[in-house]
Amino acid sequence: MAIETLNLDELAEKTGNLYETVAILSKRSRQVSSDMRSELEDKLSYFEGFGPEMEDMRMKEEQEKVSLEYEKKPKPTEIAIDDFLEDKLYYRKPDEEE
């Protein structure tokens, strides 16, 4: 995964305030992280029901495969930034009327 620099002016342009943008991105990142974590826990919970007699190498390999699959996915922050830049996020200020 290559490191990319972000144009902060481009990020701040959408809201008019960089700190507001960071708050929006952090909330979205937490949402994505929570979704990914629950999805991973659901997949790994399948392996919890098996007793010690079923803990052979094949089961461990399957668990590792699931874990590695999630490690290769884009990070929640990256997803949040992409969503923000592509205008896929809805956000509003709490004190504003719709």
N, C-alpha and C. Protein backbone atom coordinates (compact mmCIF):
# COMPACT_ATOMS: atom_id res chain seq x y z
N MET A 1 0.84 -1.16 0.00
CA MET A 1 0.00 0.00 0.00
C MET A 1 0.89 1.23 0.00
N ALA A 2 0.75 2.03 -1.01
CA ALA A 2 1.56 3.24 -1.14
C ALA A 2 0.97 4.37 -0.31
N ILE A 3 1.82 5.20 0.20
CA ILE A 3 1.39 6.35 0.98
C ILE A 3 1.11 7.50 0.02
N GLU A 4 -0.05 8.11 0.17
CA GLU A 4 -0.44 9.23 -0.67
C GLU A 4 -0.60 10.47 0.19
N THR A 5 -0.20 11.60 -0.35
CA THR A 5 -0.46 12.85 0.36
C THR A 5 -1.82 13.38 -0.10
N LEU A 6 -2.49 14.05 0.81
CA LEU A 6 -3.80 14.61 0.50
C LEU A 6 -3.71 16.12 0.42
N ASN A 7 -4.46 16.68 -0.48
CA ASN A 7 -4.54 18.12 -0.59
C ASN A 7 -5.52 18.61 0.47
N LEU A 8 -5.02 19.22 1.53
CA LEU A 8 -5.87 19.67 2.63
C LEU A 8 -6.84 20.76 2.19
N ASP A 9 -6.42 21.57 1.23
CA ASP A 9 -7.32 22.61 0.72
C ASP A 9 -8.54 21.99 0.05
N GLU A 10 -8.32 20.90 -0.67
CA GLU A 10 -9.43 20.21 -1.33
C GLU A 10 -10.39 19.63 -0.30
N LEU A 11 -9.84 19.08 0.79
CA LEU A 11 -10.69 18.54 1.84
C LEU A 11 -11.49 19.64 2.54
N ALA A 12 -10.83 20.74 2.85
CA ALA A 12 -11.49 21.83 3.57
C ALA A 12 -12.47 22.59 2.68
N GLU A 13 -12.30 22.51 1.39
CA GLU A 13 -13.14 23.25 0.44
C GLU A 13 -14.61 22.85 0.56
N LYS A 14 -14.88 21.60 0.79
CA LYS A 14 -16.27 21.11 0.80
C LYS A 14 -17.07 21.63 1.99
N THR A 15 -16.41 21.81 3.13
CA THR A 15 -17.12 22.29 4.32
C THR A 15 -16.78 23.72 4.67
N GLY A 16 -15.67 24.19 4.16
CA GLY A 16 -15.21 25.53 4.50
C GLY A 16 -14.36 25.57 5.75
N ASN A 17 -14.17 24.42 6.38
CA ASN A 17 -13.42 24.36 7.62
C ASN A 17 -12.73 23.00 7.72
N LEU A 18 -11.43 23.00 7.84
CA LEU A 18 -10.68 21.74 7.90
C LEU A 18 -11.05 20.93 9.13
N TYR A 19 -11.27 21.57 10.26
CA TYR A 19 -11.60 20.85 11.49
C TYR A 19 -12.96 20.18 11.38
N GLU A 20 -13.89 20.83 10.71
CA GLU A 20 -15.20 20.24 10.48
C GLU A 20 -15.06 19.01 9.58
N THR A 21 -14.23 19.12 8.57
CA THR A 21 -13.98 18.00 7.67
C THR A 21 -13.38 16.82 8.43
N VAL A 22 -12.43 17.10 9.31
CA VAL A 22 -11.80 16.03 10.10
C VAL A 22 -12.84 15.36 11.00
N ALA A 23 -13.75 16.13 11.58
CA ALA A 23 -14.80 15.56 12.43
C ALA A 23 -15.71 14.64 11.61
N ILE A 24 -16.07 15.08 10.41
CA ILE A 24 -16.92 14.26 9.53
C ILE A 24 -16.20 12.97 9.16
N LEU A 25 -14.93 13.09 8.78
CA LEU A 25 -14.16 11.91 8.38
C LEU A 25 -13.97 10.95 9.55
N SER A 26 -13.76 11.47 10.74
CA SER A 26 -13.55 10.58 11.89
C SER A 26 -14.83 9.81 12.23
N LYS A 27 -15.98 10.48 12.13
CA LYS A 27 -17.24 9.78 12.40
C LYS A 27 -17.49 8.69 11.36
N ARG A 28 -17.25 9.02 10.10
CA ARG A 28 -17.45 8.03 9.04
C ARG A 28 -16.47 6.87 9.19
N SER A 29 -15.24 7.18 9.55
CA SER A 29 -14.23 6.15 9.74
C SER A 29 -14.64 5.19 10.87
N ARG A 30 -15.18 5.74 11.95
CA ARG A 30 -15.64 4.88 13.05
C ARG A 30 -16.80 4.00 12.61
N GLN A 31 -17.71 4.53 11.79
CA GLN A 31 -18.82 3.73 11.27
C GLN A 31 -18.30 2.56 10.43
N VAL A 32 -17.39 2.86 9.54
CA VAL A 32 -16.83 1.83 8.66
C VAL A 32 -16.08 0.79 9.49
N SER A 33 -15.30 1.24 10.45
CA SER A 33 -14.54 0.34 11.31
C SER A 33 -15.47 -0.58 12.10
N SER A 34 -16.53 -0.03 12.62
CA SER A 34 -17.50 -0.82 13.38
C SER A 34 -18.16 -1.88 12.49
N ASP A 35 -18.54 -1.48 11.28
CA ASP A 35 -19.14 -2.43 10.34
C ASP A 35 -18.17 -3.55 9.98
N MET A 36 -16.92 -3.17 9.71
CA MET A 36 -15.91 -4.17 9.34
C MET A 36 -15.64 -5.12 10.51
N ARG A 37 -15.58 -4.57 11.73
CA ARG A 37 -15.31 -5.38 12.90
C ARG A 37 -16.43 -6.39 13.15
N SER A 38 -17.68 -5.94 13.03
CA SER A 38 -18.79 -6.86 13.26
C SER A 38 -18.85 -7.93 12.17
N GLU A 39 -18.52 -7.56 10.95
CA GLU A 39 -18.49 -8.53 9.85
C GLU A 39 -17.40 -9.59 10.10
N LEU A 40 -16.24 -9.14 10.55
CA LEU A 40 -15.15 -10.07 10.85
C LEU A 40 -15.52 -10.97 12.02
N GLU A 41 -16.11 -10.41 13.06
CA GLU A 41 -16.52 -11.22 14.21
C GLU A 41 -17.55 -12.26 13.82
N ASP A 42 -18.47 -11.90 12.93
CA ASP A 42 -19.46 -12.85 12.45
C ASP A 42 -18.80 -14.03 11.73
N LYS A 43 -17.83 -13.71 10.88
CA LYS A 43 -17.15 -14.77 10.14
C LYS A 43 -16.30 -15.65 11.07
N LEU A 44 -15.64 -15.03 12.05
CA LEU A 44 -14.79 -15.80 12.96
C LEU A 44 -15.61 -16.56 14.00
N SER A 45 -16.83 -16.11 14.28
CA SER A 45 -17.66 -16.81 15.27
C SER A 45 -18.03 -18.21 14.79
N TYR A 46 -18.00 -18.42 13.50
CA TYR A 46 -18.25 -19.75 12.95
C TYR A 46 -17.30 -20.77 13.54
N PHE A 47 -16.06 -20.37 13.77
CA PHE A 47 -15.04 -21.30 14.23
C PHE A 47 -15.09 -21.55 15.74
N GLU A 48 -15.86 -20.76 16.50
CA GLU A 48 -15.90 -20.90 17.95
C GLU A 48 -16.66 -22.14 18.40
N GLY A 49 -17.60 -22.62 17.62
CA GLY A 49 -18.44 -23.73 18.03
C GLY A 49 -17.75 -25.09 18.00
N PHE A 50 -16.60 -25.16 17.41
CA PHE A 50 -15.91 -26.43 17.30
C PHE A 50 -15.08 -26.71 18.54
N GLY A 51 -15.07 -27.95 18.96
CA GLY A 51 -14.30 -28.33 20.14
C GLY A 51 -12.84 -28.54 19.80
N PRO A 52 -12.06 -28.90 20.83
CA PRO A 52 -10.62 -29.09 20.62
C PRO A 52 -10.30 -30.21 19.61
N GLU A 53 -11.20 -31.18 19.50
CA GLU A 53 -10.94 -32.27 18.55
C GLU A 53 -11.00 -31.79 17.10
N MET A 54 -11.67 -30.67 16.87
CA MET A 54 -11.79 -30.14 15.51
C MET A 54 -10.70 -29.11 15.19
N GLU A 55 -9.87 -28.81 16.15
CA GLU A 55 -8.84 -27.79 15.94
C GLU A 55 -7.64 -28.38 15.20
N ASP A 56 -7.86 -28.74 13.99
CA ASP A 56 -6.74 -29.22 13.19
C ASP A 56 -6.17 -28.07 12.37
N MET A 57 -5.19 -28.36 11.60
CA MET A 57 -4.50 -27.33 10.82
C MET A 57 -5.42 -26.67 9.81
N ARG A 58 -6.36 -27.44 9.27
CA ARG A 58 -7.26 -26.88 8.26
C ARG A 58 -8.13 -25.76 8.84
N MET A 59 -8.62 -25.96 10.07
CA MET A 59 -9.45 -24.94 10.71
C MET A 59 -8.63 -23.68 10.98
N LYS A 60 -7.41 -23.87 11.44
CA LYS A 60 -6.55 -22.72 11.72
C LYS A 60 -6.21 -21.98 10.43
N GLU A 61 -6.00 -22.71 9.37
CA GLU A 61 -5.71 -22.08 8.08
C GLU A 61 -6.90 -21.26 7.60
N GLU A 62 -8.11 -21.78 7.82
CA GLU A 62 -9.31 -21.05 7.42
C GLU A 62 -9.46 -19.76 8.22
N GLN A 63 -9.18 -19.83 9.52
CA GLN A 63 -9.24 -18.64 10.36
C GLN A 63 -8.21 -17.61 9.90
N GLU A 64 -7.01 -18.07 9.60
CA GLU A 64 -5.97 -17.17 9.12
C GLU A 64 -6.36 -16.54 7.78
N LYS A 65 -6.97 -17.33 6.92
CA LYS A 65 -7.39 -16.82 5.61
C LYS A 65 -8.41 -15.70 5.78
N VAL A 66 -9.37 -15.89 6.68
CA VAL A 66 -10.38 -14.86 6.94
C VAL A 66 -9.72 -13.60 7.49
N SER A 67 -8.81 -13.78 8.44
CA SER A 67 -8.12 -12.63 9.04
C SER A 67 -7.27 -11.88 8.02
N LEU A 68 -6.55 -12.61 7.19
CA LEU A 68 -5.73 -11.97 6.16
C LEU A 68 -6.57 -11.23 5.13
N GLU A 69 -7.73 -11.78 4.84
CA GLU A 69 -8.64 -11.13 3.90
C GLU A 69 -9.02 -9.73 4.41
N TYR A 70 -9.26 -9.62 5.70
CA TYR A 70 -9.63 -8.32 6.28
C TYR A 70 -8.44 -7.39 6.42
N GLU A 71 -7.26 -7.95 6.59
CA GLU A 71 -6.06 -7.10 6.67
C GLU A 71 -5.75 -6.46 5.32
N LYS A 72 -6.13 -7.11 4.23
CA LYS A 72 -5.85 -6.59 2.90
C LYS A 72 -6.87 -5.55 2.45
N LYS A 73 -8.00 -5.48 3.13
CA LYS A 73 -9.02 -4.50 2.76
C LYS A 73 -8.51 -3.09 3.04
N PRO A 74 -9.07 -2.10 2.34
CA PRO A 74 -8.67 -0.71 2.62
C PRO A 74 -9.03 -0.34 4.06
N LYS A 75 -8.23 0.52 4.64
CA LYS A 75 -8.45 0.95 6.02
C LYS A 75 -9.68 1.85 6.10
N PRO A 76 -10.36 1.86 7.25
CA PRO A 76 -11.56 2.68 7.40
C PRO A 76 -11.35 4.16 7.09
N THR A 77 -10.20 4.69 7.46
CA THR A 77 -9.92 6.10 7.17
C THR A 77 -9.85 6.35 5.67
N GLU A 78 -9.23 5.44 4.96
CA GLU A 78 -9.12 5.56 3.51
C GLU A 78 -10.50 5.52 2.85
N ILE A 79 -11.35 4.63 3.33
CA ILE A 79 -12.71 4.53 2.80
C ILE A 79 -13.49 5.81 3.08
N ALA A 80 -13.34 6.35 4.30
CA ALA A 80 -14.04 7.58 4.67
C ALA A 80 -13.60 8.75 3.80
N ILE A 81 -12.32 8.87 3.56
CA ILE A 81 -11.81 9.96 2.72
C ILE A 81 -12.32 9.81 1.29
N ASP A 82 -12.28 8.60 0.76
CA ASP A 82 -12.78 8.38 -0.60
C ASP A 82 -14.26 8.72 -0.70
N ASP A 83 -15.05 8.28 0.28
CA ASP A 83 -16.48 8.60 0.29
C ASP A 83 -16.71 10.11 0.32
N PHE A 84 -15.93 10.79 1.13
CA PHE A 84 -16.06 12.24 1.27
C PHE A 84 -15.71 12.95 -0.04
N LEU A 85 -14.61 12.57 -0.64
CA LEU A 85 -14.17 13.22 -1.87
C LEU A 85 -15.09 12.92 -3.05
N GLU A 86 -15.76 11.78 -3.02
CA GLU A 86 -16.68 11.40 -4.10
C GLU A 86 -18.11 11.83 -3.80
N ASP A 87 -18.30 12.64 -2.76
CA ASP A 87 -19.62 13.16 -2.37
C ASP A 87 -20.62 12.05 -2.08
N LYS A 88 -20.18 10.98 -1.45
CA LYS A 88 -21.06 9.88 -1.09
C LYS A 88 -21.58 10.00 0.35
N LEU A 89 -21.16 11.04 1.07
CA LEU A 89 -21.56 11.21 2.46
C LEU A 89 -22.60 12.30 2.60
N TYR A 90 -23.55 12.06 3.48
CA TYR A 90 -24.50 13.09 3.86
C TYR A 90 -24.10 13.56 5.25
N TYR A 91 -23.97 14.85 5.41
CA TYR A 91 -23.65 15.40 6.72
C TYR A 91 -24.33 16.76 6.85
N ARG A 92 -24.58 17.13 8.08
CA ARG A 92 -25.18 18.44 8.34
C ARG A 92 -24.72 18.90 9.71
N LYS A 93 -24.82 20.19 9.93
CA LYS A 93 -24.49 20.74 11.24
C LYS A 93 -25.71 20.56 12.14
N PRO A 94 -25.52 20.14 13.37
CA PRO A 94 -26.66 19.88 14.26
C PRO A 94 -27.52 21.12 14.52
N ASP A 95 -26.95 22.30 14.47
CA ASP A 95 -27.72 23.50 14.76
C ASP A 95 -28.44 24.08 13.55
N GLU A 96 -28.29 23.47 12.39
CA GLU A 96 -28.95 23.96 11.17
C GLU A 96 -30.24 23.21 10.93
N GLU A 97 -31.23 23.92 10.42
CA GLU A 97 -32.50 23.30 10.03
C GLU A 97 -32.34 22.69 8.65
N GLU A 98 -33.10 21.63 8.38
CA GLU A 98 -33.03 21.00 7.06
C GLU A 98 -33.91 21.70 6.07
